[in-house]
Structure formats: C-alpha cells, structure tokens
Amino acid sequence: MSFIKSKLIIPGITLVIVLAACGSNSGAQNSGDSGEDSSESKGTIDMAQINWAENIAVSNMWKVILEEKGYDVNLKMLDMGVIMQSLASDDLDINLEVWLPIQDKAYLEEYKDDVFFSEATWYDNAKVGLVVPKYMKDINSIDDLKANKEKFNGEITGFDSGAGTMEVTKKDLISEYNLDYELIPSSEPAMITAIGDAIENKEPVVSPLWSPHRVFSQYDLKFLEDPKNVYGQTEKIHHATRQGFADDFPKVSKWMKNWKMDDDAVGQLMTYVNDAEEPIEGAQKWVEENQDLVDEWTTE
C-alpha cells in the first residue's frame, strides 16, 4: 500500500524454498496469448500478492478477470523484498503494486536493469504519511510528535518490515524530524487491530498509513502534516513484471497498461473483498457489477 527499502536479508535456504514455491519462469512454459480460439489454458501467470488490503483486493480482481479470459493465475503471498528478487530472476511474472516516486524508489534503483517497471499507472492519487486519530486535537504535524513522546510511549506502530513506507519512516523520517521514537514492525492486519484497540479506548496511537485504504472508512483518522515532505506528495501506483513478460503475454501486458481505477472503484472493490467470506468471492462480485469498466481495460 505505500512503501523505500533496504535490501531484504533472507537466509539462503529460505530464499531457495520460497522461490521454488513460486515456480520457474512460467512464461517460458506456455505459448503466451496465442491460440485465442483454443479451449486449452492460455498460460499460467504467477502473480505476487502482498498482505495489504488494497493489494489483496486488486490481485484477486485480476485473478478473476484473467481466469475468465482463459489464463491460469497463481497468487503468491510474498513480501516486497522477495517479490522484486523473484521478478529479477524470472521466478515470478508480475507485481501489481509499485509506489513511485518516493516509496519504492530504492527498488526501482536496485532492479531497473533486471525488472520491467511500467510507466503506466493504475492509481494516480495515492497518499502516504503518519496518521493519528482525529480526537488527538493537539497532534496535527509530525513536528508535534517530538514534544509528545510520552503520550505515544516513544513508539510508532508499523506494519511489514519489508515495505517501502516502513523503510522511509525508519531511515528518513525519524532522522529528518529528530524523533526519539522506535518504529515497531508487525503486519498490516496487526497494525489495523492496534489502531482499532487504541481508538476504542481513546488512547494515543501513531502509524504509517496510505490511501487508498479501507481503514479510513472504519475509523476517523487524519494524516499528520509533513512539512519536510519526507513521504513526498502524491504517489502513483505502477505495476512491474519480469523481463520478457510482454513477449509471452502481450494481451495481458496491454490490459495492465489500460488499467485505471479511481477512489470510488478502489473503495468499492476493497469493501466487497473485505466483507466476503473469501477475497475471491468479493472480487468476483465487483467484476460482475463493473463489467463495462473491465471491458475498457481488456479491449482487444
């Protein structure tokens, strides 16, 4: 959901196991988009999935769309560090979420020669920053955190340690604002639970968050002003693929570049996915109700 990282350090054996689970270059094992009239699968696409609400929503949405078009789609739940390594080594086909120009800048710089980063964007109004509950009337800027360390126990409640936003917060924001705070990693669901618990008890809590995110429809939260502009202003969400993906799947590559969503579309999709028993069921409902938009993306 937004995101600069240092290189993820994973023991060699673990990385081998994870990448083996991703499978070898799927594009090389199929005939790509050709065979439009064939009843056989048009190929298998290994798609990254990250345990972030919007990513779960859009990855399941594309699984529904592509499987209706005759492709097989395997969703691989991984963190950003492993995702980028896997794209670079052709062990993964596509990652739907790269936030630029700030949050995933480090990944772009590290992998620009080995991974295809699309210039096309599917969401153009993303925002990243620290949030607090709106009832904290005296905390309106990141500068306000310094004098209120005791209220927050000197802690920023975070999510996945491999996410770009976590790295921006840890390496840039804390030093730029000279905050004597510790960034506590966990997971997105754990962070949202911690925010909810704090709000239920009217307690202080500060966390790095991003929009679009369904949490803003659940709780009254506000972004803190960022006068040093550490998180940047508007972020745009791109997709990235392994090199050669467009050759193996030219139609899918074109559809991904056509893909555009606004606040209403993303919000409705995330709500459907969150409310369903299984994410794929919510995604299926959204695709059925928004077929005209899907047709715009997947025009031949």
C-alpha atoms as a PDB file:
ATOM      1  CA  MET A   1       0.000   0.000   0.000  1.00  0.00           C
ATOM      2  CA  SER A   2       2.833   2.558   0.032  1.00  0.00           C
ATOM      3  CA  PHE A   3       6.310   1.841   0.550  1.00  0.00           C
ATOM      4  CA  ILE A   4      11.869   2.561   0.427  1.00  0.00           C
ATOM      5  CA  LYS A   5      13.591  -0.481   1.480  1.00  0.00           C
ATOM      6  CA  SER A   6      16.937  -1.708   2.374  1.00  0.00           C
ATOM      7  CA  LYS A   7      17.866  -4.991   0.833  1.00  0.00           C
ATOM      8  CA  LEU A   8      15.917  -7.781   2.479  1.00  0.00           C
ATOM      9  CA  ILE A   9      18.267 -10.262   4.117  1.00  0.00           C
ATOM     10  CA  ILE A  10      16.965 -13.808   3.957  1.00  0.00           C
ATOM     11  CA  PRO A  11      18.927 -16.943   4.759  1.00  0.00           C
ATOM     12  CA  GLY A  12      19.896 -18.661   1.548  1.00  0.00           C
ATOM     13  CA  ILE A  13      17.986 -21.844   2.224  1.00  0.00           C
ATOM     14  CA  THR A  14      14.773 -19.974   2.993  1.00  0.00           C
ATOM     15  CA  LEU A  15      15.043 -17.909  -0.163  1.00  0.00           C
ATOM     16  CA  VAL A  16      15.571 -21.019  -2.273  1.00  0.00           C
ATOM     17  CA  ILE A  17      12.493 -22.622  -0.763  1.00  0.00           C
ATOM     18  CA  VAL A  18      10.366 -19.510  -1.328  1.00  0.00           C
ATOM     19  CA  LEU A  19      11.460 -19.097  -4.904  1.00  0.00           C
ATOM     20  CA  ALA A  20      10.927 -22.793  -5.571  1.00  0.00           C
ATOM     21  CA  ALA A  21       7.374 -22.323  -4.369  1.00  0.00           C
ATOM     22  CA  CYS A  22       6.990 -19.549  -6.926  1.00  0.00           C
ATOM     23  CA  GLY A  23       7.926 -21.974  -9.658  1.00  0.00           C
ATOM     24  CA  SER A  24      10.273 -21.444 -12.547  1.00  0.00           C
ATOM     25  CA  ASN A  25       9.688 -18.957 -15.342  1.00  0.00           C
ATOM     26  CA  SER A  26       6.047 -19.576 -16.162  1.00  0.00           C
ATOM     27  CA  GLY A  27       6.162 -17.590 -19.367  1.00  0.00           C
ATOM     28  CA  ALA A  28       8.761 -19.931 -20.809  1.00  0.00           C
ATOM     29  CA  GLN A  29       6.494 -22.873 -20.125  1.00  0.00           C
ATOM     30  CA  ASN A  30       3.486 -21.696 -22.086  1.00  0.00           C
ATOM     31  CA  SER A  31       2.651 -20.314 -25.504  1.00  0.00           C
ATOM     32  CA  GLY A  32       1.625 -16.891 -24.240  1.00  0.00           C
ATOM     33  CA  ASP A  33      -1.504 -15.203 -25.582  1.00  0.00           C
ATOM     34  CA  SER A  34      -1.617 -17.057 -28.857  1.00  0.00           C
ATOM     35  CA  GLY A  35      -4.279 -19.624 -29.515  1.00  0.00           C
ATOM     36  CA  GLU A  36      -7.232 -17.315 -28.913  1.00  0.00           C
ATOM     37  CA  ASP A  37      -9.699 -19.964 -30.058  1.00  0.00           C
ATOM     38  CA  SER A  38      -8.095 -22.824 -28.167  1.00  0.00           C
ATOM     39  CA  SER A  39     -10.009 -24.437 -25.326  1.00  0.00           C
ATOM     40  CA  GLU A  40      -6.744 -25.027 -23.518  1.00  0.00           C
ATOM     41  CA  SER A  41      -5.273 -22.627 -20.987  1.00  0.00           C
ATOM     42  CA  LYS A  42      -3.589 -19.588 -22.484  1.00  0.00           C
ATOM     43  CA  GLY A  43      -0.810 -19.961 -19.957  1.00  0.00           C
ATOM     44  CA  THR A  44      -0.082 -19.714 -16.251  1.00  0.00           C
ATOM     45  CA  ILE A  45       0.698 -16.382 -14.633  1.00  0.00           C
ATOM     46  CA  ASP A  46       2.394 -16.265 -11.245  1.00  0.00           C
ATOM     47  CA  MET A  47       1.196 -13.045  -9.616  1.00  0.00           C
ATOM     48  CA  ALA A  48       2.588 -11.526  -6.434  1.00  0.00           C
ATOM     49  CA  GLN A  49       0.242 -10.851  -3.572  1.00  0.00           C
ATOM     50  CA  ILE A  50       1.157  -8.739  -0.559  1.00  0.00           C
ATOM     51  CA  ASN A  51      -0.726  -8.857   2.714  1.00  0.00           C
ATOM     52  CA  TRP A  52      -2.066  -5.329   2.270  1.00  0.00           C
ATOM     53  CA  ALA A  53      -5.796  -4.697   1.944  1.00  0.00           C
ATOM     54  CA  GLU A  54      -5.706  -2.970  -1.442  1.00  0.00           C
ATOM     55  CA  ASN A  55      -3.223  -5.477  -2.852  1.00  0.00           C
ATOM     56  CA  ILE A  56      -5.350  -8.443  -1.833  1.00  0.00           C
ATOM     57  CA  ALA A  57      -8.304  -6.713  -3.478  1.00  0.00           C
ATOM     58  CA  VAL A  58      -6.680  -5.928  -6.836  1.00  0.00           C
ATOM     59  CA  SER A  59      -4.770  -9.212  -7.113  1.00  0.00           C
ATOM     60  CA  ASN A  60      -7.966 -11.201  -6.604  1.00  0.00           C
ATOM     61  CA  MET A  61      -9.745  -8.910  -9.056  1.00  0.00           C
ATOM     62  CA  TRP A  62      -7.161  -9.641 -11.736  1.00  0.00           C
ATOM     63  CA  LYS A  63      -7.247 -13.336 -10.947  1.00  0.00           C
ATOM     64  CA  VAL A  64     -10.989 -13.310 -11.674  1.00  0.00           C
ATOM     65  CA  ILE A  65     -10.584 -11.263 -14.872  1.00  0.00           C
ATOM     66  CA  LEU A  66      -7.696 -13.267 -16.285  1.00  0.00           C
ATOM     67  CA  GLU A  67      -9.169 -16.655 -15.476  1.00  0.00           C
ATOM     68  CA  GLU A  68     -12.378 -15.624 -17.228  1.00  0.00           C
ATOM     69  CA  LYS A  69     -10.148 -14.870 -20.240  1.00  0.00           C
ATOM     70  CA  GLY A  70      -8.658 -18.360 -20.184  1.00  0.00           C
ATOM     71  CA  TYR A  71      -5.454 -17.900 -18.182  1.00  0.00           C
ATOM     72  CA  ASP A  72      -4.450 -19.736 -15.027  1.00  0.00           C
ATOM     73  CA  VAL A  73      -3.384 -17.401 -12.220  1.00  0.00           C
ATOM     74  CA  ASN A  74      -1.402 -18.420  -9.160  1.00  0.00           C
ATOM     75  CA  LEU A  75      -1.320 -15.852  -6.353  1.00  0.00           C
ATOM     76  CA  LYS A  76       1.934 -15.942  -4.370  1.00  0.00           C
ATOM     77  CA  MET A  77       1.811 -14.268  -0.939  1.00  0.00           C
ATOM     78  CA  LEU A  78       5.267 -12.725  -0.519  1.00  0.00           C
ATOM     79  CA  ASP A  79       6.847  -9.576   0.859  1.00  0.00           C
ATOM     80  CA  MET A  80       8.227  -6.840  -1.357  1.00  0.00           C
ATOM     81  CA  GLY A  81      11.869  -7.827  -0.992  1.00  0.00           C
ATOM     82  CA  VAL A  82      11.278 -11.383  -2.188  1.00  0.00           C
ATOM     83  CA  ILE A  83       8.874 -10.181  -4.889  1.00  0.00           C
ATOM     84  CA  MET A  84      11.469  -7.940  -6.504  1.00  0.00           C
ATOM     85  CA  GLN A  85      14.172 -10.605  -6.285  1.00  0.00           C
ATOM     86  CA  SER A  86      11.784 -13.124  -7.842  1.00  0.00           C
ATOM     87  CA  LEU A  87      10.864 -10.821 -10.732  1.00  0.00           C
ATOM     88  CA  ALA A  88      14.544 -10.172 -11.398  1.00  0.00           C
ATOM     89  CA  SER A  89      15.292 -13.912 -11.502  1.00  0.00           C
ATOM     90  CA  ASP A  90      12.220 -14.743 -13.649  1.00  0.00           C
ATOM     91  CA  ASP A  91      10.677 -16.804 -10.831  1.00  0.00           C
ATOM     92  CA  LEU A  92       7.608 -14.539 -10.701  1.00  0.00           C
ATOM     93  CA  ASP A  93       5.642 -12.904 -13.512  1.00  0.00           C
ATOM     94  CA  ILE A  94       4.044  -9.746 -12.166  1.00  0.00           C
ATOM     95  CA  ASN A  95       3.712  -7.462  -9.165  1.00  0.00           C
ATOM     96  CA  LEU A  96       0.681  -5.160  -9.272  1.00  0.00           C
ATOM     97  CA  GLU A  97       1.881  -2.557  -6.800  1.00  0.00           C
ATOM     98  CA  VAL A  98       4.932  -0.307  -7.059  1.00  0.00           C
ATOM     99  CA  TRP A  99       4.587   3.135  -5.432  1.00  0.00           C
ATOM    100  CA  LEU A 100       6.559   5.962  -7.003  1.00  0.00           C
ATOM    101  CA  PRO A 101       8.253   8.394  -6.971  1.00  0.00           C
ATOM    102  CA  ILE A 102       9.186   8.030  -3.262  1.00  0.00           C
ATOM    103  CA  GLN A 103       8.063   4.874  -1.511  1.00  0.00           C
ATOM    104  CA  ASP A 104       9.563   2.206  -3.801  1.00  0.00           C
ATOM    105  CA  LYS A 105      12.333   4.353  -5.220  1.00  0.00           C
ATOM    106  CA  ALA A 106      15.024   2.080  -3.757  1.00  0.00           C
ATOM    107  CA  TYR A 107      13.582  -0.978  -5.524  1.00  0.00           C
ATOM    108  CA  LEU A 108      13.430   0.909  -8.805  1.00  0.00           C
ATOM    109  CA  GLU A 109      17.066   1.934  -8.462  1.00  0.00           C
ATOM    110  CA  GLU A 110      18.216  -1.560  -7.491  1.00  0.00           C
ATOM    111  CA  TYR A 111      16.274  -3.559 -10.078  1.00  0.00           C
ATOM    112  CA  LYS A 112      15.780  -1.169 -13.005  1.00  0.00           C
ATOM    113  CA  ASP A 113      18.078  -3.263 -15.238  1.00  0.00           C
ATOM    114  CA  ASP A 114      16.514  -6.612 -14.301  1.00  0.00           C
ATOM    115  CA  VAL A 115      12.796  -5.846 -13.899  1.00  0.00           C
ATOM    116  CA  PHE A 116      10.342  -4.048 -16.164  1.00  0.00           C
ATOM    117  CA  PHE A 117       8.748  -1.122 -14.303  1.00  0.00           C
ATOM    118  CA  SER A 118       5.714   0.120 -16.230  1.00  0.00           C
ATOM    119  CA  GLU A 119       5.393   3.836 -16.813  1.00  0.00           C
ATOM    120  CA  ALA A 120       1.631   3.324 -16.893  1.00  0.00           C
ATOM    121  CA  THR A 121      -0.168   3.836 -13.589  1.00  0.00           C
ATOM    122  CA  TRP A 122      -3.423   2.344 -12.344  1.00  0.00           C
ATOM    123  CA  TYR A 123      -3.986   4.767  -9.461  1.00  0.00           C
ATOM    124  CA  ASP A 124      -2.842   8.389  -9.525  1.00  0.00           C
ATOM    125  CA  ASN A 125      -3.924   9.878  -6.224  1.00  0.00           C
ATOM    126  CA  ALA A 126      -2.174   7.803  -3.570  1.00  0.00           C
ATOM    127  CA  LYS A 127      -1.025   9.370  -0.310  1.00  0.00           C
ATOM    128  CA  VAL A 128       1.367   8.179   2.368  1.00  0.00           C
ATOM    129  CA  GLY A 129       2.067   9.537   5.826  1.00  0.00           C
ATOM    130  CA  LEU A 130       1.728   9.166   9.557  1.00  0.00           C
ATOM    131  CA  VAL A 131      -1.817   9.090  10.911  1.00  0.00           C
ATOM    132  CA  VAL A 132      -3.361   9.610  14.333  1.00  0.00           C
ATOM    133  CA  PRO A 133      -6.999   9.510  15.486  1.00  0.00           C
ATOM    134  CA  LYS A 134      -8.876  12.748  14.882  1.00  0.00           C
ATOM    135  CA  TYR A 135      -9.633  13.062  18.590  1.00  0.00           C
ATOM    136  CA  MET A 136      -5.953  13.935  19.121  1.00  0.00           C
ATOM    137  CA  LYS A 137      -6.628  17.630  18.561  1.00  0.00           C
ATOM    138  CA  ASP A 138      -3.163  18.822  19.622  1.00  0.00           C
ATOM    139  CA  ILE A 139      -1.279  16.485  17.244  1.00  0.00           C
ATOM    140  CA  ASN A 140      -1.534  17.817  13.702  1.00  0.00           C
ATOM    141  CA  SER A 141       2.022  17.725  12.374  1.00  0.00           C
ATOM    142  CA  ILE A 142       4.931  15.305  12.555  1.00  0.00           C
ATOM    143  CA  ASP A 143       6.728  18.120  14.354  1.00  0.00           C
ATOM    144  CA  ASP A 144       4.194  17.734  17.197  1.00  0.00           C
ATOM    145  CA  LEU A 145       5.374  14.191  17.924  1.00  0.00           C
ATOM    146  CA  LYS A 146       8.682  15.335  19.390  1.00  0.00           C
ATOM    147  CA  ALA A 147       7.104  17.126  22.363  1.00  0.00           C
ATOM    148  CA  ASN A 148       4.584  14.337  22.913  1.00  0.00           C
ATOM    149  CA  LYS A 149       6.828  11.307  23.094  1.00  0.00           C
ATOM    150  CA  GLU A 150       5.386  10.163  26.429  1.00  0.00           C
ATOM    151  CA  LYS A 151       1.853  10.052  25.056  1.00  0.00           C
ATOM    152  CA  PHE A 152       2.919   7.510  22.438  1.00  0.00           C
ATOM    153  CA  ASN A 153       5.447   5.686  24.644  1.00  0.00           C
ATOM    154  CA  GLY A 154       8.028   6.655  22.051  1.00  0.00           C
ATOM    155  CA  GLU A 155       6.565   4.157  19.568  1.00  0.00           C
ATOM    156  CA  ILE A 156       5.282   4.317  16.027  1.00  0.00           C
ATOM    157  CA  THR A 157       3.066   1.301  15.382  1.00  0.00           C
ATOM    158  CA  GLY A 158       4.072  -0.101  11.989  1.00  0.00           C
ATOM    159  CA  PHE A 159       3.404  -2.996   9.634  1.00  0.00           C
ATOM    160  CA  ASP A 160       5.579  -5.199   7.357  1.00  0.00           C
ATOM    161  CA  SER A 161       9.285  -4.527   7.856  1.00  0.00           C
ATOM    162  CA  GLY A 162       9.995  -5.047   4.135  1.00  0.00           C
ATOM    163  CA  ALA A 163       7.595  -2.345   2.973  1.00  0.00           C
ATOM    164  CA  GLY A 164       8.977   0.832   1.440  1.00  0.00           C
ATOM    165  CA  THR A 165       6.961   3.106   3.697  1.00  0.00           C
ATOM    166  CA  MET A 166       8.457   1.383   6.724  1.00  0.00           C
ATOM    167  CA  GLU A 167      11.955   1.995   5.382  1.00  0.00           C
ATOM    168  CA  VAL A 168      11.162   5.641   4.628  1.00  0.00           C
ATOM    169  CA  THR A 169       9.830   6.012   8.156  1.00  0.00           C
ATOM    170  CA  LYS A 170      12.746   4.241   9.819  1.00  0.00           C
ATOM    171  CA  LYS A 171      15.646   5.649   7.813  1.00  0.00           C
ATOM    172  CA  ASP A 172      14.431   9.044   6.677  1.00  0.00           C
ATOM    173  CA  LEU A 173      11.523  10.384   8.682  1.00  0.00           C
ATOM    174  CA  ILE A 174      12.808   9.631  12.195  1.00  0.00           C
ATOM    175  CA  SER A 175      16.191  11.217  11.463  1.00  0.00           C
ATOM    176  CA  GLU A 176      14.820  14.185   9.485  1.00  0.00           C
ATOM    177  CA  TYR A 177      12.497  15.134  12.332  1.00  0.00           C
ATOM    178  CA  ASN A 178      14.976  14.075  15.041  1.00  0.00           C
ATOM    179  CA  LEU A 179      12.357  11.858  16.697  1.00  0.00           C
ATOM    180  CA  ASP A 180      13.362   9.711  19.632  1.00  0.00           C
ATOM    181  CA  TYR A 181      10.853   7.071  18.573  1.00  0.00           C
ATOM    182  CA  GLU A 182      11.069   3.377  17.781  1.00  0.00           C
ATOM    183  CA  LEU A 183       9.255   2.027  14.737  1.00  0.00           C
ATOM    184  CA  ILE A 184       7.571  -1.231  15.734  1.00  0.00           C
ATOM    185  CA  PRO A 185       7.108  -3.658  12.799  1.00  0.00           C
ATOM    186  CA  SER A 186       4.281  -6.174  12.688  1.00  0.00           C
ATOM    187  CA  SER A 187       1.837  -6.793   9.837  1.00  0.00           C
ATOM    188  CA  GLU A 188      -0.872  -4.696   8.264  1.00  0.00           C
ATOM    189  CA  PRO A 189      -3.714  -6.625   9.987  1.00  0.00           C
ATOM    190  CA  ALA A 190      -1.917  -6.363  13.350  1.00  0.00           C
ATOM    191  CA  MET A 191      -1.357  -2.640  12.863  1.00  0.00           C
ATOM    192  CA  ILE A 192      -5.007  -2.046  11.984  1.00  0.00           C
ATOM    193  CA  THR A 193      -6.055  -4.041  15.049  1.00  0.00           C
ATOM    194  CA  ALA A 194      -3.747  -1.944  17.241  1.00  0.00           C
ATOM    195  CA  ILE A 195      -5.215   1.255  15.782  1.00  0.00           C
ATOM    196  CA  GLY A 196      -8.734  -0.024  16.412  1.00  0.00           C
ATOM    197  CA  ASP A 197      -7.950  -1.018  20.001  1.00  0.00           C
ATOM    198  CA  ALA A 198      -6.427   2.387  20.706  1.00  0.00           C
ATOM    199  CA  ILE A 199      -9.442   4.200  19.252  1.00  0.00           C
ATOM    200  CA  GLU A 200     -11.863   2.049  21.236  1.00  0.00           C
ATOM    201  CA  ASN A 201     -10.075   3.134  24.408  1.00  0.00           C
ATOM    202  CA  LYS A 202      -9.455   6.732  23.267  1.00  0.00           C
ATOM    203  CA  GLU A 203      -5.715   6.187  23.552  1.00  0.00           C
ATOM    204  CA  PRO A 204      -2.889   7.764  21.529  1.00  0.00           C
ATOM    205  CA  VAL A 205      -1.561   5.846  18.529  1.00  0.00           C
ATOM    206  CA  VAL A 206       0.513   6.890  15.519  1.00  0.00           C
ATOM    207  CA  SER A 207       1.105   4.716  12.454  1.00  0.00           C
ATOM    208  CA  PRO A 208       2.357   4.955   8.871  1.00  0.00           C
ATOM    209  CA  LEU A 209      -0.595   4.533   6.546  1.00  0.00           C
ATOM    210  CA  TRP A 210      -1.605   5.084   2.961  1.00  0.00           C
ATOM    211  CA  SER A 211      -4.606   5.905   0.876  1.00  0.00           C
ATOM    212  CA  PRO A 212      -6.443   4.160  -0.725  1.00  0.00           C
ATOM    213  CA  HIS A 213      -7.210   2.044   2.327  1.00  0.00           C
ATOM    214  CA  ARG A 214     -10.490   0.839   3.751  1.00  0.00           C
ATOM    215  CA  VAL A 215      -9.385   1.745   7.296  1.00  0.00           C
ATOM    216  CA  PHE A 216     -10.357   5.366   6.615  1.00  0.00           C
ATOM    217  CA  SER A 217     -13.964   4.251   6.264  1.00  0.00           C
ATOM    218  CA  GLN A 218     -13.737   2.390   9.578  1.00  0.00           C
ATOM    219  CA  TYR A 219     -12.058   4.974  11.788  1.00  0.00           C
ATOM    220  CA  ASP A 220     -11.754   8.756  11.994  1.00  0.00           C
ATOM    221  CA  LEU A 221      -8.072   9.213  11.211  1.00  0.00           C
ATOM    222  CA  LYS A 222      -6.060  12.172   9.970  1.00  0.00           C
ATOM    223  CA  PHE A 223      -2.740  12.439   8.180  1.00  0.00           C
ATOM    224  CA  LEU A 224      -0.166  14.489  10.046  1.00  0.00           C
ATOM    225  CA  GLU A 225       1.327  17.395   8.146  1.00  0.00           C
ATOM    226  CA  ASP A 226       4.767  16.583   6.759  1.00  0.00           C
ATOM    227  CA  PRO A 227       6.497  19.971   6.395  1.00  0.00           C
ATOM    228  CA  LYS A 228       9.809  18.368   5.415  1.00  0.00           C
ATOM    229  CA  ASN A 229       7.981  16.386   2.702  1.00  0.00           C
ATOM    230  CA  VAL A 230       9.726  13.141   3.661  1.00  0.00           C
ATOM    231  CA  TYR A 231       6.895  10.987   2.354  1.00  0.00           C
ATOM    232  CA  GLY A 232       6.512  13.064  -0.792  1.00  0.00           C
ATOM    233  CA  GLN A 233       3.238  14.416  -2.028  1.00  0.00           C
ATOM    234  CA  THR A 234       1.052  12.444  -4.420  1.00  0.00           C
ATOM    235  CA  GLU A 235       2.226   8.908  -5.114  1.00  0.00           C
ATOM    236  CA  LYS A 236       1.255   6.916  -8.196  1.00  0.00           C
ATOM    237  CA  ILE A 237       0.845   3.145  -8.268  1.00  0.00           C
ATOM    238  CA  HIS A 238       2.516   1.247 -11.114  1.00  0.00           C
ATOM    239  CA  HIS A 239       2.964  -2.433 -11.876  1.00  0.00           C
ATOM    240  CA  ALA A 240       6.180  -4.356 -12.562  1.00  0.00           C
ATOM    241  CA  THR A 241       6.881  -7.584 -14.432  1.00  0.00           C
ATOM    242  CA  ARG A 242       9.759  -9.881 -15.172  1.00  0.00           C
ATOM    243  CA  GLN A 243      11.654  -9.049 -18.336  1.00  0.00           C
ATOM    244  CA  GLY A 244      10.044 -10.886 -21.234  1.00  0.00           C
ATOM    245  CA  PHE A 245       6.539 -10.958 -19.755  1.00  0.00           C
ATOM    246  CA  ALA A 246       5.173  -8.714 -22.518  1.00  0.00           C
ATOM    247  CA  ASP A 247       6.568 -11.081 -25.154  1.00  0.00           C
ATOM    248  CA  ASP A 248       4.953 -14.107 -23.527  1.00  0.00           C
ATOM    249  CA  PHE A 249       1.673 -12.399 -22.627  1.00  0.00           C
ATOM    250  CA  PRO A 250       1.223  -9.416 -24.986  1.00  0.00           C
ATOM    251  CA  LYS A 251      -2.515  -9.068 -24.393  1.00  0.00           C
ATOM    252  CA  VAL A 252      -2.204  -9.185 -20.621  1.00  0.00           C
ATOM    253  CA  SER A 253       0.630  -6.664 -20.805  1.00  0.00           C
ATOM    254  CA  LYS A 254      -1.617  -4.329 -22.814  1.00  0.00           C
ATOM    255  CA  TRP A 255      -4.524  -4.793 -20.380  1.00  0.00           C
ATOM    256  CA  MET A 256      -2.337  -3.914 -17.428  1.00  0.00           C
ATOM    257  CA  LYS A 257      -1.339  -0.671 -19.116  1.00  0.00           C
ATOM    258  CA  ASN A 258      -5.022   0.115 -19.793  1.00  0.00           C
ATOM    259  CA  TRP A 259      -5.964  -0.478 -16.147  1.00  0.00           C
ATOM    260  CA  LYS A 260      -7.140   2.641 -14.275  1.00  0.00           C
ATOM    261  CA  MET A 261      -9.111   2.943 -11.023  1.00  0.00           C
ATOM    262  CA  ASP A 262     -10.396   5.947  -9.086  1.00  0.00           C
ATOM    263  CA  ASP A 263     -11.264   6.323  -5.396  1.00  0.00           C
ATOM    264  CA  ASP A 264     -14.805   5.046  -5.808  1.00  0.00           C
ATOM    265  CA  ALA A 265     -13.777   1.954  -7.761  1.00  0.00           C
ATOM    266  CA  VAL A 266     -10.951   1.012  -5.392  1.00  0.00           C
ATOM    267  CA  GLY A 267     -13.071   1.715  -2.325  1.00  0.00           C
ATOM    268  CA  GLN A 268     -15.961  -0.430  -3.520  1.00  0.00           C
ATOM    269  CA  LEU A 269     -13.637  -3.278  -4.516  1.00  0.00           C
ATOM    270  CA  MET A 270     -11.857  -3.242  -1.138  1.00  0.00           C
ATOM    271  CA  THR A 271     -15.191  -3.215   0.686  1.00  0.00           C
ATOM    272  CA  TYR A 272     -16.532  -6.168  -1.301  1.00  0.00           C
ATOM    273  CA  VAL A 273     -13.347  -8.162  -0.742  1.00  0.00           C
ATOM    274  CA  ASN A 274     -13.252  -7.342   2.965  1.00  0.00           C
ATOM    275  CA  ASP A 275     -16.910  -8.242   3.504  1.00  0.00           C
ATOM    276  CA  ALA A 276     -16.797 -11.546   1.617  1.00  0.00           C
ATOM    277  CA  GLU A 277     -16.032 -14.883   3.245  1.00  0.00           C
ATOM    278  CA  GLU A 278     -13.197 -15.310   0.738  1.00  0.00           C
ATOM    279  CA  PRO A 279     -11.427 -12.467  -1.114  1.00  0.00           C
ATOM    280  CA  ILE A 280     -12.041 -14.093  -4.496  1.00  0.00           C
ATOM    281  CA  GLU A 281     -15.804 -14.006  -3.861  1.00  0.00           C
ATOM    282  CA  GLY A 282     -15.766 -10.270  -3.211  1.00  0.00           C
ATOM    283  CA  ALA A 283     -13.609  -9.708  -6.286  1.00  0.00           C
ATOM    284  CA  GLN A 284     -15.992 -11.768  -8.415  1.00  0.00           C
ATOM    285  CA  LYS A 285     -18.938  -9.667  -7.227  1.00  0.00           C
ATOM    286  CA  TRP A 286     -17.111  -6.447  -8.086  1.00  0.00           C
ATOM    287  CA  VAL A 287     -16.122  -7.681 -11.557  1.00  0.00           C
ATOM    288  CA  GLU A 288     -19.712  -8.700 -12.294  1.00  0.00           C
ATOM    289  CA  GLU A 289     -21.015  -5.268 -11.282  1.00  0.00           C
ATOM    290  CA  ASN A 290     -18.305  -3.349 -13.140  1.00  0.00           C
ATOM    291  CA  GLN A 291     -18.044  -5.306 -16.360  1.00  0.00           C
ATOM    292  CA  ASP A 292     -18.147  -2.179 -18.530  1.00  0.00           C
ATOM    293  CA  LEU A 293     -15.023  -0.850 -16.832  1.00  0.00           C
ATOM    294  CA  VAL A 294     -13.292  -4.222 -17.056  1.00  0.00           C
ATOM    295  CA  ASP A 295     -14.163  -4.324 -20.776  1.00  0.00           C
ATOM    296  CA  GLU A 296     -12.412  -0.962 -21.211  1.00  0.00           C
ATOM    297  CA  TRP A 297      -9.232  -2.411 -19.744  1.00  0.00           C
ATOM    298  CA  THR A 298      -9.345  -5.666 -21.687  1.00  0.00           C
ATOM    299  CA  THR A 299     -10.305  -4.321 -25.081  1.00  0.00           C
ATOM    300  CA  GLU A 300      -8.602  -6.266 -27.860  1.00  0.00           C
END
